[in-house]
Every structure is written in structure tokens, then in C-alpha cells.
């Protein structure tokens, strides 16, 4: 970073430090602020850019800080969540924690997290909030309180191996406009290349939330509605859209074997599907944009040779044109992650100063240089990646987010179980939907469920 840029950041930091002086250590002391929940390019960014830049800035401000980076690249998802539960229950944990937004209601209701208004009362004074849209801020918000800093958001599409599609006779500009066309594309792949898995739509319990967000919801939204009716404030437990979604799973995995059922039931099934795609053994895989920017890249979990020439995406079509949620022709869903300040931290002011430094414009632009993606700040655009730019322009406007409600995790688990019962052959679509309806009713109460007409 240029010295002039650093000096501007120092000046901003000095103003912040004066406002938070009661929370900082004396100038001659040095404190350690730890951060966890990062991996891949983000870990590289924090190690090579944020740590030295922030430490230099704080030293120049007279409040020296050492940033301790806890590499959590080998733990993620449910395992990381469980680790956080254990740490926070014990009054421990890193000062700054990478956090999935949909975990918030559960952690907050369990008393494991405190809002920023309690930890850093002056948090609203940070200039960066003006550059972060309210809907993105809400990724790290719950019940009217802000709990952390959003990293940004994402979107989901059908990632395709263009070589496999071409060999199946599909045109270079192929874009399915219905489930029927999507299935026809998968059938063409199966017919032309028997050793290739045509289509991966996440299912089952083992894939966790990836089943709900990348699989079940991507289909359900295309069949006409969300998992929750936001206008009526009720969970939809029976409907034609649910039944059609389960029938789609049955077609893919049971009736026509267009997908690999074993992956949906294996504990490492998601990674198996990623690896197979990277090796050119999967034609289409429905996944978030992190698959492009973190999994298939050089240094990613499953780097793909000549990724840029061999991989593209198509949008997920509605069941029929105009049949998707909000009358859409194509659908997608967005999640979002961020960082929270641990309420157990002995140095909350320094932890917040670290977060605001990370998400200031110039440091965040440095991350875009090594990992272009949809960032929280409007003044830090995606650059240098045509695929990610296309995602922002063509896919993000279609998106919906998950309900930020404490019951969501339990309902989501039942949705995953419902898909597993289809893929395993344990139940028919009607039976699985009925079991789901009974379970969700027990979770949320009869007064909070909604039945819509369906025909079996």
C-alpha cells in the first residue's frame, strides 16, 4: 500500500482510537487480537496484507497490536459451528470470528453472541456503513441488532463443463429455460458420454446446509415459492411446488440415474462431486460462486486445469418460464457470511478496529485483486473476472435470501432429510412431503404452518 494511502488510514484510525480510548490499552502496551474462520485467498490476504498493514497503522497510532491468525482452512461448516459453540460456551474463542449469517438466530437466542451496540457502542460511526446496502448489512443482523461485519454475498448457478456440453451436441450458448430442457441436456450428456455424471443437485443429510441452499431451494424457488411465506409469516409444509421438487430429485437420482446417488448419501459426497467436476467427470453442478473462485482455482481444494477455458455457467431455470418465485424465468438464492466480534474478547475495541481496517476501501480492494467476488461495499466492484462480473449483472438481481429466523436451521434439516428419503428410495415424494409437514409442524407450531393445494 502506498504511504499516502496508509497515512489516510492512520488518520481515520486515530479518530476512531480517540473515540474508543477507554477500551484501548495504554500506548506503551501491546495487545494480541486473534482472528479465525478464514482460509484460501482470504487467509493469504489477511496474512500478507491486513496483518502487517494493521499492525503498522496501530503502532503509528501509539496503540500497538499483534494480530494472531488462526488458520481454520481445515475446518468448516458444521464442524466450525460446533467449535464456536464450545468456545463461546466456555467464555473463550478468537476475538474476531468468521461467521455464517444464517447461524446468527440460533447463537443469539442461546446467549452466545452480543450485539455490536453492547460490545462497541460507537460502531455506527464507521464511515463504511454508508457504502454497504442495508440488505447486505442484514446478513450479519438479527432482530434489529447488528452483530458483525458482512463479507458480502453470493449467488447460485449451474456450473457447466463446456467441453462435455459440446460433446453432447449442446450449442455453445445453451441456456435451459425449463426443467424439461435441463433434464434433456442431462440426458444428452448421459447418452453421449456414459462415464460422465450429467447433473449434480445436492441432496441428503451429509451435505448439511449445502443441500438446502444449493439443492432443495434452487429447485423449490423454480417451482414457485420459498420455504417460508414472508407475507403470511408461515412455513409452507405442503404444496404442489414441494411435491414437484421432490419429483425432480426422484427423476434425477432414481428413475433416470442422471446424477450420482452415492454422493448424496456419503459423508464426503460433496467433495467427491467437486473432485469429479475438476477432473472433467461431471457435466453440470449446481453450486454457489465460491465453487468458481475458491474450489476450482489454482491452490483451491480441487483445482481444475484450464478452468477458464473449460468452465462456464447457465442460470437455473424455473420449472416453466414465468413459474419461478415472483414470476421469474430463472432463480437463485444468496447466503452470506461475515465476521463477529466475540463478546468474550478482552480487547473489543482493537477487534473492531481490525474489522473496520479490513473492510476499508483500499484494503478490501487488495482482496479483490486476488479473489474477485461480490463484496459488501458498493465502492469496491468486482474487477478482473468476467465470470464474477456476469454473476453480479445477470444473476444477483434474481436472488432471494433465507429467512433469518431461529427455526430455520431445524426446518432446513427436515428439508435435507426429505431429499435424502427420496434419493435413498425410502419414501415416495408424497410420503416424504407428509413426513416433512409433520416434523415442521412440531418445530414451529400449527399456527405457523401453511398448506397449499397439491395434486398427488
Protein backbone atom coordinates (compact mmCIF):
# COMPACT_ATOMS: atom_id res chain seq x y z
CA UNK A 1 0.00 0.00 0.00
CA UNK A 2 1.29 3.47 -0.84
CA UNK A 3 2.40 5.59 2.10
CA UNK A 4 -0.16 8.30 1.30
CA UNK A 5 -2.91 5.71 1.48
CA UNK A 6 -1.54 4.35 4.71
CA UNK A 7 -1.43 7.85 6.20
CA UNK A 8 -5.07 8.44 5.30
CA UNK A 9 -5.98 5.20 7.02
CA UNK A 10 -3.86 6.18 10.01
CA UNK A 11 -5.67 9.48 10.32
CA UNK A 12 -9.03 7.72 10.23
CA UNK A 13 -7.80 5.21 12.76
CA UNK A 14 -6.59 7.98 15.10
CA UNK A 15 -10.08 9.48 15.17
CA UNK A 16 -11.51 6.07 15.93
CA UNK A 17 -8.95 5.44 18.63
CA UNK A 18 -9.81 8.72 20.36
CA UNK A 19 -13.48 7.75 20.39
CA UNK A 20 -12.67 4.33 21.80
CA UNK A 21 -9.80 5.36 24.05
CA UNK A 22 -11.46 3.94 27.14
CA UNK A 23 -11.40 0.50 25.60
CA UNK A 24 -7.80 0.51 24.37
CA UNK A 25 -4.72 -0.42 26.30
CA UNK A 26 -2.18 2.22 27.27
CA UNK A 27 0.11 3.35 24.46
CA UNK A 28 3.12 1.53 25.82
CA UNK A 29 1.27 -1.80 26.00
CA UNK A 30 0.85 -4.25 23.15
CA UNK A 31 -2.19 -6.49 22.92
CA UNK A 32 -2.96 -9.51 20.77
CA UNK A 33 -6.12 -9.73 18.67
CA UNK A 34 -6.93 -13.13 17.21
CA UNK A 35 -8.98 -13.87 14.11
CA UNK A 36 -10.30 -17.20 12.90
CA UNK A 37 -12.70 -18.62 10.32
CA UNK A 38 -10.63 -17.83 7.24
CA UNK A 39 -8.91 -19.91 4.59
CA UNK A 40 -7.76 -19.88 0.97
CA UNK A 41 -7.17 -16.49 -0.70
CA UNK A 42 -8.74 -14.67 2.25
CA UNK A 43 -6.20 -16.24 4.59
CA UNK A 44 -3.44 -15.11 2.23
CA UNK A 45 -4.87 -11.58 2.22
CA UNK A 46 -5.10 -11.36 5.97
CA UNK A 47 -1.61 -12.80 6.40
CA UNK A 48 0.19 -10.76 3.73
CA UNK A 49 -1.81 -7.51 3.63
CA UNK A 50 -4.02 -6.99 6.66
CA UNK A 51 -1.74 -8.18 9.45
CA UNK A 52 1.32 -6.07 8.50
CA UNK A 53 -0.76 -3.07 7.43
CA UNK A 54 -2.94 -3.01 10.55
CA UNK A 55 -0.04 -3.61 12.91
CA UNK A 56 1.92 -0.76 11.32
CA UNK A 57 -1.09 1.54 11.47
CA UNK A 58 -1.77 0.79 15.13
CA UNK A 59 1.86 1.18 16.10
CA UNK A 60 1.98 4.57 14.40
CA UNK A 61 -1.20 5.50 16.27
CA UNK A 62 0.50 4.65 19.58
CA UNK A 63 -1.60 1.57 20.33
CA UNK A 64 0.49 -1.41 19.16
CA UNK A 65 -1.41 -4.58 18.36
CA UNK A 66 -0.29 -8.02 17.25
CA UNK A 67 -2.71 -9.90 15.00
CA UNK A 68 -2.79 -13.64 15.64
CA UNK A 69 -4.25 -15.57 12.68
CA UNK A 70 -5.85 -18.92 13.49
CA UNK A 71 -5.88 -20.98 10.30
CA UNK A 72 -9.25 -22.73 10.10
CA UNK A 73 -8.98 -23.80 6.47
CA UNK A 74 -9.15 -27.45 7.60
CA UNK A 75 -12.43 -26.99 9.46
CA UNK A 76 -15.64 -25.55 8.07
CA UNK A 77 -19.40 -25.86 8.03
CA UNK A 78 -20.97 -27.83 10.86
CA UNK A 79 -17.58 -28.62 12.41
CA UNK A 80 -16.63 -24.94 12.65
CA UNK A 81 -20.06 -24.10 14.03
CA UNK A 82 -19.70 -26.74 16.73
CA UNK A 83 -16.25 -25.43 17.63
CA UNK A 84 -17.70 -21.95 18.04
CA UNK A 85 -20.45 -23.29 20.32
CA UNK A 86 -17.86 -24.96 22.53
CA UNK A 87 -15.60 -21.89 22.60
CA UNK A 88 -18.33 -19.36 23.30
CA UNK A 89 -19.97 -21.51 25.96
CA UNK A 90 -16.60 -21.71 27.70
CA UNK A 91 -16.12 -17.93 27.56
CA UNK A 92 -13.28 -18.43 25.09
CA UNK A 93 -12.71 -18.18 21.33
CA UNK A 94 -10.95 -15.82 18.96
CA UNK A 95 -11.58 -12.08 19.23
CA UNK A 96 -12.85 -11.97 15.64
CA UNK A 97 -14.68 -14.97 14.22
CA UNK A 98 -15.64 -15.73 10.62
CA UNK A 99 -19.35 -16.46 10.80
CA UNK A 100 -22.19 -17.65 8.56
CA UNK A 101 -25.11 -15.26 8.70
CA UNK A 102 -27.74 -17.98 8.97
CA UNK A 103 -26.17 -19.16 12.25
CA UNK A 104 -26.96 -15.87 13.96
CA UNK A 105 -30.51 -16.50 15.25
CA UNK A 106 -29.52 -19.77 16.89
CA UNK A 107 -26.39 -18.34 18.53
CA UNK A 108 -28.09 -15.13 19.64
CA UNK A 109 -31.10 -16.92 21.13
CA UNK A 110 -28.71 -19.20 23.00
CA UNK A 111 -26.99 -16.17 24.54
CA UNK A 112 -23.68 -16.90 22.84
CA UNK A 113 -23.31 -13.62 20.94
CA UNK A 114 -23.67 -9.97 21.90
CA UNK A 115 -24.70 -7.18 19.50
CA UNK A 116 -22.14 -4.62 18.43
CA UNK A 117 -24.17 -1.98 20.26
CA UNK A 118 -23.07 -3.63 23.53
CA UNK A 119 -19.52 -4.55 22.54
CA UNK A 120 -18.57 -1.37 20.65
CA UNK A 121 -21.24 1.30 21.32
CA UNK A 122 -19.73 3.65 18.72
CA UNK A 123 -19.79 1.09 15.89
CA UNK A 124 -22.34 3.10 13.87
CA UNK A 125 -19.80 5.90 13.43
CA UNK A 126 -17.72 3.87 10.96
CA UNK A 127 -17.75 5.52 7.54
CA UNK A 128 -18.03 2.21 5.69
CA UNK A 129 -21.65 1.57 6.63
CA UNK A 130 -22.71 4.20 4.09
CA UNK A 131 -21.18 2.03 1.34
CA UNK A 132 -22.89 -1.22 2.41
CA UNK A 133 -26.51 -1.70 1.29
CA UNK A 134 -28.99 -2.41 4.06
CA UNK A 135 -29.84 -5.87 2.71
CA UNK A 136 -26.16 -6.84 2.83
CA UNK A 137 -25.74 -5.36 6.32
CA UNK A 138 -28.67 -7.56 7.37
CA UNK A 139 -26.64 -10.69 6.58
CA UNK A 140 -24.95 -10.12 9.93
CA UNK A 141 -28.04 -8.73 11.65
CA UNK A 142 -30.85 -10.26 13.64
CA UNK A 143 -33.92 -8.90 15.43
CA UNK A 144 -32.96 -5.30 14.80
CA UNK A 145 -29.39 -5.59 16.05
CA UNK A 146 -26.12 -5.72 14.12
CA UNK A 147 -23.77 -8.49 15.22
CA UNK A 148 -20.89 -8.16 12.83
CA UNK A 149 -19.36 -7.08 9.55
CA UNK A 150 -20.67 -8.68 6.33
CA UNK A 151 -18.08 -10.05 3.91
CA UNK A 152 -20.55 -9.77 1.06
CA UNK A 153 -23.00 -12.11 -0.58
CA UNK A 154 -23.11 -14.74 -3.30
CA UNK A 155 -25.41 -16.37 -5.82
CA UNK A 156 -26.03 -19.85 -7.18
CA UNK A 157 -25.98 -21.12 -10.74
CA UNK A 158 -25.46 -24.28 -12.77
CA UNK A 159 -21.72 -24.62 -13.40
CA UNK A 160 -21.09 -26.43 -16.67
CA UNK A 161 -18.15 -28.15 -18.30
CA UNK A 162 -18.32 -26.64 -21.77
CA UNK A 163 -16.34 -29.49 -23.34
CA UNK A 164 -18.81 -32.05 -22.02
CA UNK A 165 -21.79 -29.99 -23.21
CA UNK A 166 -20.24 -29.62 -26.67
CA UNK A 167 -19.60 -33.35 -26.91
CA UNK A 168 -23.28 -33.90 -26.06
CA UNK A 169 -24.27 -31.75 -29.02
CA UNK A 170 -25.49 -28.80 -26.96
CA UNK A 171 -24.87 -25.37 -28.53
CA UNK A 172 -22.26 -23.01 -27.10
CA UNK A 173 -24.98 -20.58 -25.98
CA UNK A 174 -27.16 -23.31 -24.42
CA UNK A 175 -29.37 -21.96 -21.63
CA UNK A 176 -32.19 -24.21 -20.43
CA UNK A 177 -35.45 -22.32 -19.93
CA UNK A 178 -37.32 -25.07 -18.07
CA UNK A 179 -36.70 -28.18 -16.01
CA UNK A 180 -37.62 -30.23 -19.07
CA UNK A 181 -34.82 -28.60 -21.09
CA UNK A 182 -32.39 -29.03 -18.19
CA UNK A 183 -33.22 -32.73 -17.99
CA UNK A 184 -32.94 -33.08 -21.77
CA UNK A 185 -29.44 -31.63 -21.54
CA UNK A 186 -28.54 -34.15 -18.83
CA UNK A 187 -29.95 -36.97 -20.96
CA UNK A 188 -27.86 -35.84 -23.93
CA UNK A 189 -24.73 -35.98 -21.77
CA UNK A 190 -25.60 -39.45 -20.46
CA UNK A 191 -26.25 -40.75 -23.96
CA UNK A 192 -23.06 -39.34 -25.47
CA UNK A 193 -20.70 -39.87 -22.54
CA UNK A 194 -21.73 -42.80 -20.31
CA UNK A 195 -18.76 -42.34 -17.97
CA UNK A 196 -19.75 -38.75 -17.11
CA UNK A 197 -22.21 -37.81 -14.35
CA UNK A 198 -24.62 -35.47 -16.14
CA UNK A 199 -26.06 -33.44 -13.25
CA UNK A 200 -25.34 -32.78 -9.58
CA UNK A 201 -28.20 -31.34 -7.48
CA UNK A 202 -27.26 -31.53 -3.79
CA UNK A 203 -29.35 -33.80 -1.62
CA UNK A 204 -29.19 -35.64 1.69
CA UNK A 205 -28.15 -35.01 5.27
CA UNK A 206 -24.39 -35.35 4.86
CA UNK A 207 -24.02 -32.16 2.79
CA UNK A 208 -25.64 -30.08 5.52
CA UNK A 209 -26.90 -26.63 4.57
CA UNK A 210 -25.39 -27.07 1.10
CA UNK A 211 -28.27 -29.45 0.38
CA UNK A 212 -30.87 -26.86 1.32
CA UNK A 213 -29.35 -23.79 -0.27
CA UNK A 214 -27.66 -25.23 -3.36
CA UNK A 215 -30.11 -28.06 -3.93
CA UNK A 216 -33.60 -28.02 -2.48
CA UNK A 217 -34.17 -24.25 -2.54
CA UNK A 218 -32.80 -23.85 -6.06
CA UNK A 219 -35.46 -26.27 -7.26
CA UNK A 220 -38.25 -25.13 -4.94
CA UNK A 221 -37.86 -21.48 -5.94
CA UNK A 222 -38.20 -22.53 -9.56
CA UNK A 223 -41.40 -24.38 -8.74
CA UNK A 224 -42.99 -21.19 -7.44
CA UNK A 225 -42.33 -20.37 -3.80
CA UNK A 226 -39.82 -20.15 -0.94
CA UNK A 227 -39.51 -22.43 2.08
CA UNK A 228 -41.29 -19.68 4.07
CA UNK A 229 -44.11 -17.32 3.18
CA UNK A 230 -42.77 -13.92 4.24
CA UNK A 231 -46.11 -12.14 3.76
CA UNK A 232 -48.10 -14.52 5.95
CA UNK A 233 -45.23 -15.30 8.30
CA UNK A 234 -45.67 -19.06 7.97
CA UNK A 235 -43.66 -22.10 6.90
CA UNK A 236 -45.02 -23.83 3.80
CA UNK A 237 -45.20 -27.54 4.56
CA UNK A 238 -47.40 -28.97 1.79
CA UNK A 239 -47.71 -27.71 -1.78
CA UNK A 240 -47.50 -28.67 -5.42
CA UNK A 241 -44.14 -26.94 -5.61
CA UNK A 242 -42.69 -29.12 -2.84
CA UNK A 243 -44.09 -32.24 -4.50
CA UNK A 244 -42.72 -31.22 -7.92
CA UNK A 245 -39.31 -30.51 -6.38
CA UNK A 246 -39.17 -33.96 -4.81
CA UNK A 247 -40.29 -35.50 -8.09
CA UNK A 248 -37.38 -33.72 -9.81
CA UNK A 249 -34.99 -35.33 -7.32
CA UNK A 250 -36.60 -38.70 -7.99
CA UNK A 251 -36.19 -38.27 -11.75
CA UNK A 252 -32.51 -37.33 -11.43
CA UNK A 253 -31.42 -39.95 -8.92
CA UNK A 254 -33.89 -42.82 -9.08
CA UNK A 255 -35.82 -43.02 -12.32
CA UNK A 256 -33.17 -41.98 -14.84
CA UNK A 257 -29.85 -42.05 -12.93
CA UNK A 258 -28.82 -38.64 -14.28
CA UNK A 259 -26.95 -37.94 -11.05
CA UNK A 260 -24.74 -39.96 -8.72
CA UNK A 261 -26.96 -41.05 -5.80
CA UNK A 262 -23.96 -42.31 -3.82
CA UNK A 263 -22.55 -38.79 -3.45
CA UNK A 264 -25.75 -37.58 -1.81
CA UNK A 265 -25.51 -40.20 0.92
CA UNK A 266 -21.75 -40.29 1.59
CA UNK A 267 -20.19 -38.17 4.32
CA UNK A 268 -17.66 -36.75 1.83
CA UNK A 269 -20.11 -36.71 -1.07
CA UNK A 270 -19.92 -33.00 -1.76
CA UNK A 271 -16.14 -33.15 -2.05
CA UNK A 272 -16.46 -36.22 -4.27
CA UNK A 273 -18.70 -34.24 -6.62
CA UNK A 274 -16.25 -31.31 -6.60
CA UNK A 275 -13.32 -33.57 -7.34
CA UNK A 276 -15.16 -35.32 -10.14
CA UNK A 277 -16.09 -32.00 -11.73
CA UNK A 278 -12.49 -30.81 -11.54
CA UNK A 279 -11.38 -34.00 -13.29
CA UNK A 280 -13.86 -33.49 -16.15
CA UNK A 281 -16.26 -36.19 -14.97
CA UNK A 282 -19.36 -34.06 -14.27
CA UNK A 283 -21.31 -32.11 -16.86
CA UNK A 284 -23.41 -29.77 -14.68
CA UNK A 285 -23.17 -28.94 -10.99
CA UNK A 286 -25.44 -26.52 -9.11
CA UNK A 287 -23.40 -24.51 -6.65
CA UNK A 288 -22.55 -21.04 -5.37
CA UNK A 289 -19.99 -18.74 -6.93
CA UNK A 290 -17.38 -19.85 -4.40
CA UNK A 291 -17.09 -23.03 -6.48
CA UNK A 292 -15.56 -20.88 -9.23
CA UNK A 293 -13.47 -18.57 -7.08
CA UNK A 294 -12.29 -20.90 -4.32
CA UNK A 295 -12.67 -24.58 -5.24
CA UNK A 296 -11.55 -24.84 -8.88
CA UNK A 297 -8.78 -22.23 -8.73
CA UNK A 298 -5.08 -22.97 -8.52
CA UNK A 299 -4.45 -23.56 -4.85
CA UNK A 300 -8.13 -24.40 -4.24
CA UNK A 301 -9.41 -27.65 -2.81
CA UNK A 302 -9.85 -29.17 -6.28
CA UNK A 303 -8.02 -27.05 -8.86
CA UNK A 304 -9.15 -27.59 -12.43
CA UNK A 305 -6.69 -27.46 -15.27
CA UNK A 306 -7.57 -24.75 -17.79
CA UNK A 307 -10.60 -23.76 -15.72
CA UNK A 308 -11.23 -20.51 -17.59
CA UNK A 309 -11.46 -22.27 -20.96
CA UNK A 310 -13.49 -25.26 -19.78
CA UNK A 311 -15.99 -23.89 -17.23
CA UNK A 312 -18.91 -21.52 -17.58
CA UNK A 313 -22.37 -21.24 -16.06
CA UNK A 314 -26.03 -21.14 -17.01
CA UNK A 315 -28.84 -19.79 -14.88
CA UNK A 316 -31.14 -22.16 -13.01
CA UNK A 317 -34.44 -22.18 -14.91
CA UNK A 318 -37.86 -22.14 -13.34
CA UNK A 319 -39.93 -25.29 -13.79
CA UNK A 320 -41.59 -23.46 -16.69
CA UNK A 321 -40.94 -19.90 -17.92
CA UNK A 322 -42.52 -17.43 -15.50
CA UNK A 323 -43.29 -20.13 -12.95
CA UNK A 324 -40.47 -19.28 -10.54
CA UNK A 325 -40.84 -17.26 -7.37
CA UNK A 326 -42.07 -13.72 -8.09
CA UNK A 327 -42.99 -14.86 -11.59
CA UNK A 328 -39.34 -15.24 -12.58
CA UNK A 329 -37.97 -17.24 -15.51
CA UNK A 330 -34.75 -18.00 -13.63
CA UNK A 331 -33.98 -18.27 -9.93
CA UNK A 332 -31.13 -18.13 -7.49
CA UNK A 333 -30.56 -17.87 -3.75
CA UNK A 334 -27.99 -15.98 -1.75
CA UNK A 335 -26.39 -16.61 1.56
CA UNK A 336 -23.74 -14.52 3.15
CA UNK A 337 -21.01 -14.60 5.72
CA UNK A 338 -19.11 -12.10 7.78
CA UNK A 339 -17.21 -11.60 10.98
CA UNK A 340 -18.49 -11.15 14.51
CA UNK A 341 -16.68 -9.67 17.48
CA UNK A 342 -16.58 -12.21 20.28
CA UNK A 343 -18.40 -10.89 23.35
CA UNK A 344 -15.78 -12.70 25.46
CA UNK A 345 -12.96 -10.64 23.91
CA UNK A 346 -10.68 -8.79 26.31
CA UNK A 347 -9.91 -6.28 23.54
CA UNK A 348 -13.20 -5.49 21.76
CA UNK A 349 -12.10 -2.01 20.62
CA UNK A 350 -9.00 -3.39 18.93
CA UNK A 351 -11.04 -6.23 17.41
CA UNK A 352 -13.49 -3.73 15.91
CA UNK A 353 -10.62 -1.56 14.69
CA UNK A 354 -9.22 -4.63 12.89
CA UNK A 355 -12.55 -5.30 11.20
CA UNK A 356 -13.02 -1.72 10.06
CA UNK A 357 -9.48 -1.69 8.69
CA UNK A 358 -10.13 -4.92 6.78
CA UNK A 359 -13.30 -3.51 5.25
CA UNK A 360 -12.00 -0.08 4.43
CA UNK A 361 -11.97 0.58 0.71
CA UNK A 362 -8.28 0.15 -0.17
CA UNK A 363 -7.53 -2.97 1.91
CA UNK A 364 -10.69 -4.63 0.56
CA UNK A 365 -9.72 -3.71 -3.00
CA UNK A 366 -6.46 -5.60 -2.38
CA UNK A 367 -8.51 -8.73 -1.66
CA UNK A 368 -10.44 -8.24 -4.92
CA UNK A 369 -7.13 -8.42 -6.75
CA UNK A 370 -6.56 -11.99 -5.57
CA UNK A 371 -10.17 -13.14 -5.15
CA UNK A 372 -12.74 -11.18 -7.18
CA UNK A 373 -16.23 -11.67 -5.75
CA UNK A 374 -19.37 -9.85 -4.61
CA UNK A 375 -18.12 -7.67 -1.76
CA UNK A 376 -20.10 -5.80 0.85
CA UNK A 377 -19.02 -2.31 -0.22
CA UNK A 378 -20.55 -0.72 -3.30
CA UNK A 379 -17.35 1.24 -3.91
CA UNK A 380 -15.28 -1.97 -4.25
CA UNK A 381 -16.54 -3.54 -7.51
CA UNK A 382 -15.67 -6.91 -8.97
CA UNK A 383 -12.71 -6.45 -11.32
CA UNK A 384 -10.64 -8.71 -13.50
CA UNK A 385 -13.03 -11.67 -13.56
CA UNK A 386 -15.58 -11.80 -16.38
CA UNK A 387 -17.49 -14.70 -14.83
CA UNK A 388 -17.95 -12.93 -11.49
CA UNK A 389 -18.91 -9.71 -13.23
CA UNK A 390 -21.53 -11.62 -15.21
CA UNK A 391 -22.82 -13.13 -11.96
CA UNK A 392 -23.31 -9.65 -10.49
CA UNK A 393 -25.05 -8.31 -13.58
CA UNK A 394 -27.23 -11.27 -14.61
CA UNK A 395 -27.78 -13.44 -11.55
CA UNK A 396 -27.71 -11.30 -8.41
CA UNK A 397 -30.83 -9.29 -9.38
CA UNK A 398 -32.81 -12.57 -9.27
CA UNK A 399 -31.85 -13.56 -5.77
CA UNK A 400 -33.69 -14.24 -2.55
CA UNK A 401 -32.21 -14.94 0.89
CA UNK A 402 -33.06 -17.46 3.57
CA UNK A 403 -35.43 -16.46 6.38
CA UNK A 404 -33.39 -15.05 9.28
CA UNK A 405 -35.45 -16.88 11.87
CA UNK A 406 -34.36 -19.11 14.76
CA UNK A 407 -36.46 -22.01 13.48
CA UNK A 408 -34.77 -22.02 10.09
CA UNK A 409 -31.95 -24.41 10.98
CA UNK A 410 -34.32 -27.06 12.28
CA UNK A 411 -36.67 -26.66 9.30
CA UNK A 412 -33.71 -26.79 6.91
CA UNK A 413 -32.60 -30.06 8.48
CA UNK A 414 -36.03 -31.53 7.77
CA UNK A 415 -35.80 -30.36 4.16
CA UNK A 416 -32.47 -32.17 3.84
CA UNK A 417 -33.96 -35.31 5.36
CA UNK A 418 -36.84 -35.10 2.90
CA UNK A 419 -34.45 -35.10 -0.07
CA UNK A 420 -32.45 -37.98 1.41
CA UNK A 421 -35.60 -40.06 1.74
CA UNK A 422 -36.17 -39.57 -1.98
CA UNK A 423 -32.62 -40.31 -3.14
CA UNK A 424 -32.32 -43.39 -0.90
CA UNK A 425 -35.67 -44.70 -2.13
CA UNK A 426 -37.01 -44.82 1.42
CA UNK A 427 -40.12 -42.79 0.59
CA UNK A 428 -42.12 -41.56 -2.37
CA UNK A 429 -42.42 -37.79 -2.92
CA UNK A 430 -45.87 -37.71 -1.31
CA UNK A 431 -44.70 -39.72 1.70
CA UNK A 432 -41.59 -37.58 2.16
CA UNK A 433 -43.59 -34.35 1.96
CA UNK A 434 -46.06 -35.61 4.55
CA UNK A 435 -43.25 -36.61 6.93
CA UNK A 436 -41.72 -33.16 6.42
CA UNK A 437 -45.04 -31.46 7.16
CA UNK A 438 -45.49 -33.37 10.41
CA UNK A 439 -41.94 -32.67 11.58
CA UNK A 440 -42.00 -28.95 10.73
CA UNK A 441 -45.37 -28.55 12.43
CA UNK A 442 -43.84 -29.95 15.60
CA UNK A 443 -40.94 -27.49 15.29
CA UNK A 444 -42.84 -24.27 14.60
CA UNK A 445 -46.37 -24.98 15.83
CA UNK A 446 -49.66 -25.48 13.99
CA UNK A 447 -50.36 -21.75 13.91
CA UNK A 448 -47.13 -21.12 11.96
CA UNK A 449 -47.57 -23.55 9.05
CA UNK A 450 -49.21 -23.12 5.67
CA UNK A 451 -50.74 -25.79 3.45
CA UNK A 452 -51.14 -25.01 -0.24
CA UNK A 453 -53.14 -27.09 -2.75
CA UNK A 454 -51.44 -30.03 -4.43
CA UNK A 455 -52.32 -32.99 -6.55
CA UNK A 456 -50.65 -36.33 -5.96
